[in-house]
N, C-alpha and C. Protein backbone atom coordinates (compact mmCIF):
# COMPACT_ATOMS: atom_id res chain seq x y z
N ARG A 1 -4.15 135.83 95.33
CA ARG A 1 -3.28 134.73 94.36
C ARG A 1 -2.17 134.83 93.73
N SER A 2 -1.14 134.57 94.10
CA SER A 2 0.18 134.78 93.36
C SER A 2 0.76 133.71 92.30
N LEU A 3 1.26 134.10 91.48
CA LEU A 3 1.98 133.63 90.13
C LEU A 3 3.00 132.95 90.27
N PRO A 4 3.05 131.74 89.96
CA PRO A 4 4.32 130.92 90.12
C PRO A 4 5.46 131.89 89.59
N VAL A 5 6.77 131.83 90.10
CA VAL A 5 7.85 132.71 89.33
C VAL A 5 8.26 132.34 88.16
N GLY A 6 8.21 131.01 87.66
CA GLY A 6 8.25 130.54 86.21
C GLY A 6 7.76 131.51 85.27
N SER A 7 5.93 131.59 85.65
CA SER A 7 5.33 132.27 84.91
C SER A 7 5.29 133.58 84.40
N LEU A 8 6.43 134.33 85.92
CA LEU A 8 6.28 135.78 86.02
C LEU A 8 7.96 135.96 84.85
N ARG A 9 8.55 135.10 84.93
CA ARG A 9 10.01 135.13 84.02
C ARG A 9 9.66 134.73 82.75
N GLU A 10 8.57 133.88 82.52
CA GLU A 10 8.00 133.79 80.82
C GLU A 10 7.58 134.63 80.57
N GLN A 11 6.60 135.46 81.05
CA GLN A 11 6.20 136.76 80.74
C GLN A 11 6.87 137.78 80.37
N ARG A 12 7.83 138.21 81.28
CA ARG A 12 8.99 138.82 81.13
C ARG A 12 9.63 138.52 79.87
N ASP A 13 10.21 137.44 79.70
CA ASP A 13 10.95 136.93 78.40
C ASP A 13 10.22 137.20 77.36
N LYS A 14 8.99 136.67 77.22
CA LYS A 14 8.16 137.06 76.09
C LYS A 14 7.97 138.40 75.31
N MET A 15 7.84 139.34 76.93
CA MET A 15 7.62 140.70 76.78
C MET A 15 9.28 141.11 76.02
N ASN A 16 10.11 140.63 76.50
CA ASN A 16 11.63 141.32 75.87
C ASN A 16 11.57 140.49 74.45
N ARG A 17 11.13 139.43 74.15
CA ARG A 17 10.96 138.90 72.61
C ARG A 17 10.31 140.04 71.82
N MET A 18 9.15 140.20 72.43
CA MET A 18 8.37 140.84 71.59
C MET A 18 8.80 142.37 71.01
N HIS A 19 9.47 142.98 72.38
CA HIS A 19 10.28 144.10 72.00
C HIS A 19 11.40 144.04 71.15
N LEU A 20 12.06 143.02 71.08
CA LEU A 20 13.30 142.75 70.31
C LEU A 20 12.81 142.71 68.60
N GLU A 21 11.44 141.60 68.79
CA GLU A 21 11.31 141.89 67.33
C GLU A 21 10.94 143.06 66.95
N ARG A 22 9.89 144.01 67.65
CA ARG A 22 9.46 145.34 67.30
C ARG A 22 10.72 146.18 66.78
N GLU A 23 11.85 146.22 67.62
CA GLU A 23 13.04 146.74 67.23
C GLU A 23 13.64 146.45 65.84
N ALA A 24 13.77 144.74 65.97
CA ALA A 24 14.05 144.33 64.34
C ALA A 24 13.16 144.96 63.29
N TRP A 25 11.83 144.65 63.56
CA TRP A 25 11.28 145.34 62.49
C TRP A 25 11.29 146.80 62.03
N TYR A 26 11.50 147.53 63.01
CA TYR A 26 11.47 148.92 63.04
C TYR A 26 12.88 149.51 62.12
N ASP A 27 13.97 148.45 62.59
CA ASP A 27 15.28 149.14 61.65
C ASP A 27 14.95 148.46 60.15
N MET A 28 14.15 147.62 60.44
CA MET A 28 14.28 147.35 58.50
C MET A 28 13.40 147.85 57.80
N MET A 29 12.59 148.85 58.33
CA MET A 29 11.40 149.33 57.96
C MET A 29 12.13 150.66 57.71
N LYS A 30 12.98 151.12 58.39
CA LYS A 30 13.85 152.37 58.30
C LYS A 30 14.64 152.03 57.44
N ARG A 31 15.21 151.19 56.92
CA ARG A 31 16.39 151.30 56.03
C ARG A 31 15.81 150.86 54.69
N ARG A 32 14.49 149.97 54.33
CA ARG A 32 13.59 149.98 53.24
C ARG A 32 13.25 151.59 52.91
N VAL A 33 12.76 152.19 54.00
CA VAL A 33 12.34 153.58 53.72
C VAL A 33 13.91 154.07 53.04
N ARG A 34 14.77 154.31 53.54
CA ARG A 34 16.00 155.05 53.14
C ARG A 34 16.29 154.50 51.55
N ALA A 35 16.13 153.12 51.29
CA ALA A 35 16.56 152.54 50.35
C ALA A 35 15.69 152.85 49.28
N SER A 36 14.66 153.08 49.71
CA SER A 36 13.95 153.63 48.65
C SER A 36 13.63 154.73 48.01
N SER A 37 13.97 155.96 48.89
CA SER A 37 14.30 157.08 48.57
C SER A 37 15.60 157.74 47.40
N TYR A 38 15.95 156.78 47.07
CA TYR A 38 17.26 157.06 46.38
C TYR A 38 16.32 156.84 44.53
N GLN A 39 16.71 157.98 44.01
CA GLN A 39 16.42 157.81 42.70
C GLN A 39 17.81 158.47 41.66
N ASP A 40 18.15 157.73 40.29
CA ASP A 40 19.02 158.29 39.53
C ASP A 40 20.33 158.12 40.89
N GLY A 41 20.55 157.65 41.80
CA GLY A 41 21.74 157.63 42.67
C GLY A 41 21.85 158.78 43.69
N SER A 42 21.00 159.31 43.85
CA SER A 42 21.07 160.45 44.94
C SER A 42 19.71 160.25 45.58
N GLN A 43 19.53 160.60 46.90
CA GLN A 43 18.76 160.55 47.82
C GLN A 43 17.56 161.79 47.72
N ASP A 44 16.26 160.98 47.62
CA ASP A 44 15.38 161.91 47.53
C ASP A 44 14.16 161.99 48.38
N ILE A 45 14.22 162.02 49.67
CA ILE A 45 13.16 161.60 50.44
C ILE A 45 11.92 162.55 50.32
N ARG A 46 12.01 164.11 50.07
CA ARG A 46 11.02 164.70 49.58
C ARG A 46 10.23 164.35 48.80
N ARG A 47 10.67 163.78 47.70
CA ARG A 47 9.59 163.17 46.39
C ARG A 47 9.08 162.11 46.72
N LEU A 48 9.90 161.36 47.82
CA LEU A 48 9.39 159.98 48.44
C LEU A 48 8.09 160.24 49.36
N PHE A 49 8.31 161.50 50.06
CA PHE A 49 7.24 161.42 51.03
C PHE A 49 6.07 162.28 50.34
N SER A 50 6.23 163.00 48.99
CA SER A 50 5.25 163.75 48.30
C SER A 50 4.32 162.38 47.45
N GLN A 51 5.27 161.55 47.54
CA GLN A 51 4.48 160.26 46.30
C GLN A 51 3.09 159.48 47.22
N PHE A 52 3.56 159.35 48.57
CA PHE A 52 2.62 158.74 49.29
C PHE A 52 1.79 159.77 50.20
N ASP A 53 1.74 161.31 50.18
CA ASP A 53 1.00 162.07 50.59
C ASP A 53 0.16 162.36 49.64
N THR A 54 -0.95 161.44 49.55
CA THR A 54 -1.80 161.42 48.34
C THR A 54 -2.54 162.90 48.51
N ASN A 55 -3.08 162.84 49.82
CA ASN A 55 -3.94 164.59 49.59
C ASN A 55 -3.27 165.84 49.81
N LYS A 56 -2.12 165.68 49.81
CA LYS A 56 -1.11 166.89 49.77
C LYS A 56 -1.17 167.74 50.70
N ASN A 57 -1.45 166.66 52.16
CA ASN A 57 -1.59 168.03 53.23
C ASN A 57 -0.26 167.91 53.89
N GLY A 58 0.74 167.66 53.51
CA GLY A 58 1.96 167.94 54.29
C GLY A 58 2.16 166.57 55.50
N VAL A 59 1.10 165.60 55.75
CA VAL A 59 1.14 164.81 56.38
C VAL A 59 0.54 163.48 56.13
N LEU A 60 1.57 162.26 56.77
CA LEU A 60 1.28 160.86 56.25
C LEU A 60 0.24 160.56 57.28
N ASP A 61 -0.91 160.01 56.91
CA ASP A 61 -1.72 159.31 57.90
C ASP A 61 -1.51 158.00 57.77
N ALA A 62 -2.52 157.12 58.64
CA ALA A 62 -2.20 155.78 58.77
C ALA A 62 -2.51 155.14 57.16
N THR A 63 -3.24 155.52 56.87
CA THR A 63 -3.73 154.59 55.70
C THR A 63 -2.42 154.97 54.60
N GLU A 64 -2.19 156.22 54.27
CA GLU A 64 -0.78 156.71 53.57
C GLU A 64 0.43 155.83 53.70
N TYR A 65 0.62 155.67 54.91
CA TYR A 65 1.98 155.29 55.56
C TYR A 65 1.79 153.54 55.49
N ARG A 66 0.84 153.07 55.69
CA ARG A 66 0.64 151.87 54.96
C ARG A 66 0.73 151.30 53.65
N THR A 67 0.60 152.27 52.80
CA THR A 67 0.47 152.15 51.49
C THR A 67 2.26 152.22 51.20
N LEU A 68 2.86 153.19 51.66
CA LEU A 68 4.44 153.29 51.68
C LEU A 68 4.91 152.02 52.05
N LEU A 69 5.00 151.59 53.38
CA LEU A 69 5.24 150.02 53.31
C LEU A 69 4.93 148.99 52.67
N MET A 70 3.99 148.76 51.97
CA MET A 70 3.30 148.09 51.47
C MET A 70 4.26 148.10 49.84
N ARG A 71 4.50 149.28 49.31
CA ARG A 71 5.18 149.45 48.38
C ARG A 71 6.85 148.91 48.35
N MET A 72 6.97 149.19 49.69
CA MET A 72 8.38 148.71 49.85
C MET A 72 8.48 146.88 49.98
N GLY A 73 7.22 146.63 50.11
CA GLY A 73 7.45 145.03 49.99
C GLY A 73 6.99 144.38 51.83
N MET A 74 6.73 145.11 52.39
CA MET A 74 6.38 144.88 53.76
C MET A 74 4.94 144.70 53.80
N ARG A 75 4.44 144.00 54.92
CA ARG A 75 3.13 143.67 54.95
C ARG A 75 2.37 144.27 56.44
N PRO A 76 2.18 145.32 55.86
CA PRO A 76 1.39 146.62 56.80
C PRO A 76 0.06 146.22 57.27
N PHE A 77 -0.51 145.41 56.90
CA PHE A 77 -2.01 145.40 57.19
C PHE A 77 -2.00 144.35 58.64
N GLY A 78 -0.88 144.03 58.86
CA GLY A 78 -0.95 143.21 60.42
C GLY A 78 -0.67 144.11 61.41
N ILE A 79 -0.29 145.71 61.00
CA ILE A 79 0.24 146.56 61.77
C ILE A 79 -1.08 147.33 62.31
N THR A 80 -0.96 146.91 64.03
CA THR A 80 -2.12 147.58 64.29
C THR A 80 -2.08 149.08 64.57
N ASP A 81 -2.99 149.85 65.00
CA ASP A 81 -3.12 151.32 64.91
C ASP A 81 -2.24 151.35 66.37
N ASP A 82 -2.21 150.86 67.13
CA ASP A 82 -1.46 150.87 68.25
C ASP A 82 0.07 150.80 67.70
N ASP A 83 0.64 149.90 67.22
CA ASP A 83 1.72 149.81 66.55
C ASP A 83 2.08 151.02 65.67
N LEU A 84 1.16 151.51 64.94
CA LEU A 84 1.70 153.01 64.24
C LEU A 84 1.51 154.11 65.59
N ARG A 85 1.09 154.19 66.33
CA ARG A 85 1.13 155.43 67.06
C ARG A 85 2.29 155.19 67.83
N ILE A 86 2.94 153.74 68.58
CA ILE A 86 4.75 153.95 68.73
C ILE A 86 5.36 154.06 67.40
N LEU A 87 5.01 153.58 66.62
CA LEU A 87 6.24 153.75 65.62
C LEU A 87 6.26 155.82 65.21
N PHE A 88 4.98 156.14 65.02
CA PHE A 88 4.72 157.59 64.78
C PHE A 88 5.39 158.61 65.79
N HIS A 89 5.14 157.62 67.05
CA HIS A 89 6.08 158.79 68.20
C HIS A 89 7.53 158.27 68.51
N GLU A 90 7.73 157.36 67.81
CA GLU A 90 9.53 157.24 67.52
C GLU A 90 9.83 158.04 66.67
N MET A 91 9.02 158.22 65.35
CA MET A 91 9.47 159.55 64.49
C MET A 91 9.47 160.55 64.75
N GLY A 92 8.72 161.01 65.61
CA GLY A 92 8.76 162.63 66.18
C GLY A 92 7.24 162.98 66.13
N SER A 93 6.11 162.27 65.97
CA SER A 93 5.15 162.60 66.01
C SER A 93 4.70 163.02 67.22
N SER A 94 3.95 164.46 67.44
CA SER A 94 3.67 165.16 68.74
C SER A 94 2.35 164.93 69.26
N GLY A 95 1.96 163.58 69.12
CA GLY A 95 0.55 163.04 70.07
C GLY A 95 -0.47 163.28 69.08
N ARG A 96 -0.82 163.73 67.74
CA ARG A 96 -1.51 164.07 67.18
C ARG A 96 -2.61 162.94 66.86
N GLY A 97 -1.93 161.73 67.13
CA GLY A 97 -2.67 160.38 66.91
C GLY A 97 -2.17 159.36 65.51
N LEU A 98 -2.51 159.14 64.33
CA LEU A 98 -2.47 158.19 63.53
C LEU A 98 -1.62 159.29 62.52
N GLU A 99 -0.72 160.19 62.46
CA GLU A 99 -0.30 160.90 61.21
C GLU A 99 1.50 161.46 61.67
N ILE A 100 2.18 161.66 60.67
CA ILE A 100 3.36 162.23 60.81
C ILE A 100 3.64 163.28 59.94
N ARG A 101 3.91 164.25 60.30
CA ARG A 101 4.28 165.68 59.35
C ARG A 101 5.51 165.46 58.79
N ALA A 102 5.42 165.93 57.34
CA ALA A 102 6.57 165.98 56.56
C ALA A 102 8.13 166.23 57.63
N ARG A 103 7.76 167.42 58.36
CA ARG A 103 9.45 167.65 58.79
C ARG A 103 9.96 166.47 60.03
N GLU A 104 8.71 166.12 60.66
CA GLU A 104 8.93 164.99 61.42
C GLU A 104 9.67 163.55 60.83
N PHE A 105 8.81 163.57 59.89
CA PHE A 105 9.28 162.48 58.77
C PHE A 105 11.01 162.99 58.64
N PHE A 106 10.95 163.89 57.82
CA PHE A 106 12.69 164.36 57.42
C PHE A 106 13.47 164.43 58.31
N ALA A 107 13.18 164.60 59.38
CA ALA A 107 14.11 164.87 61.10
C ALA A 107 14.45 162.87 61.24
N TRP A 108 13.52 162.53 61.08
CA TRP A 108 13.74 160.87 61.52
C TRP A 108 14.46 160.02 60.54
N PHE A 109 14.09 160.85 59.33
CA PHE A 109 14.93 160.02 58.17
C PHE A 109 16.36 160.26 57.91
N SER A 110 16.63 161.67 58.17
CA SER A 110 18.12 161.98 58.67
C SER A 110 18.83 161.73 59.54
N GLY A 111 17.90 160.96 60.90
CA GLY A 111 18.47 160.43 62.17
C GLY A 111 18.00 161.44 63.17
N GLY A 112 17.41 162.31 63.28
CA GLY A 112 17.16 163.33 64.08
C GLY A 112 16.26 162.45 65.27
N TYR A 113 15.95 161.67 64.52
CA TYR A 113 15.19 160.80 66.04
C TYR A 113 15.24 159.25 66.06
N GLN A 114 15.57 158.83 67.16
CA GLN A 114 15.60 157.52 67.04
C GLN A 114 14.85 156.77 67.80
């Protein structure tokens, strides 16, 4: 059975919209993380990371990262584990699952990963 051409076009358009929405959300999240790292007029990303690395293991896991997003006024609970895997991969996570190491986070923050 073949699908009508219109349905393929609609599916492609829907996927493109979803991709653009994810990119817009990702950009907004990155701006908010950067904005929240300023203290007394200077940027302190290490302090920000340390504040949310509650078990002090040098890694933000999914729960810690969702807490960071929530404190920035975002709604992280609609974010699936798959969304976080994609986000962590874009931030430079090397495939360990739902976590991002401090050095990867700092590199992403400073523009090393896009």
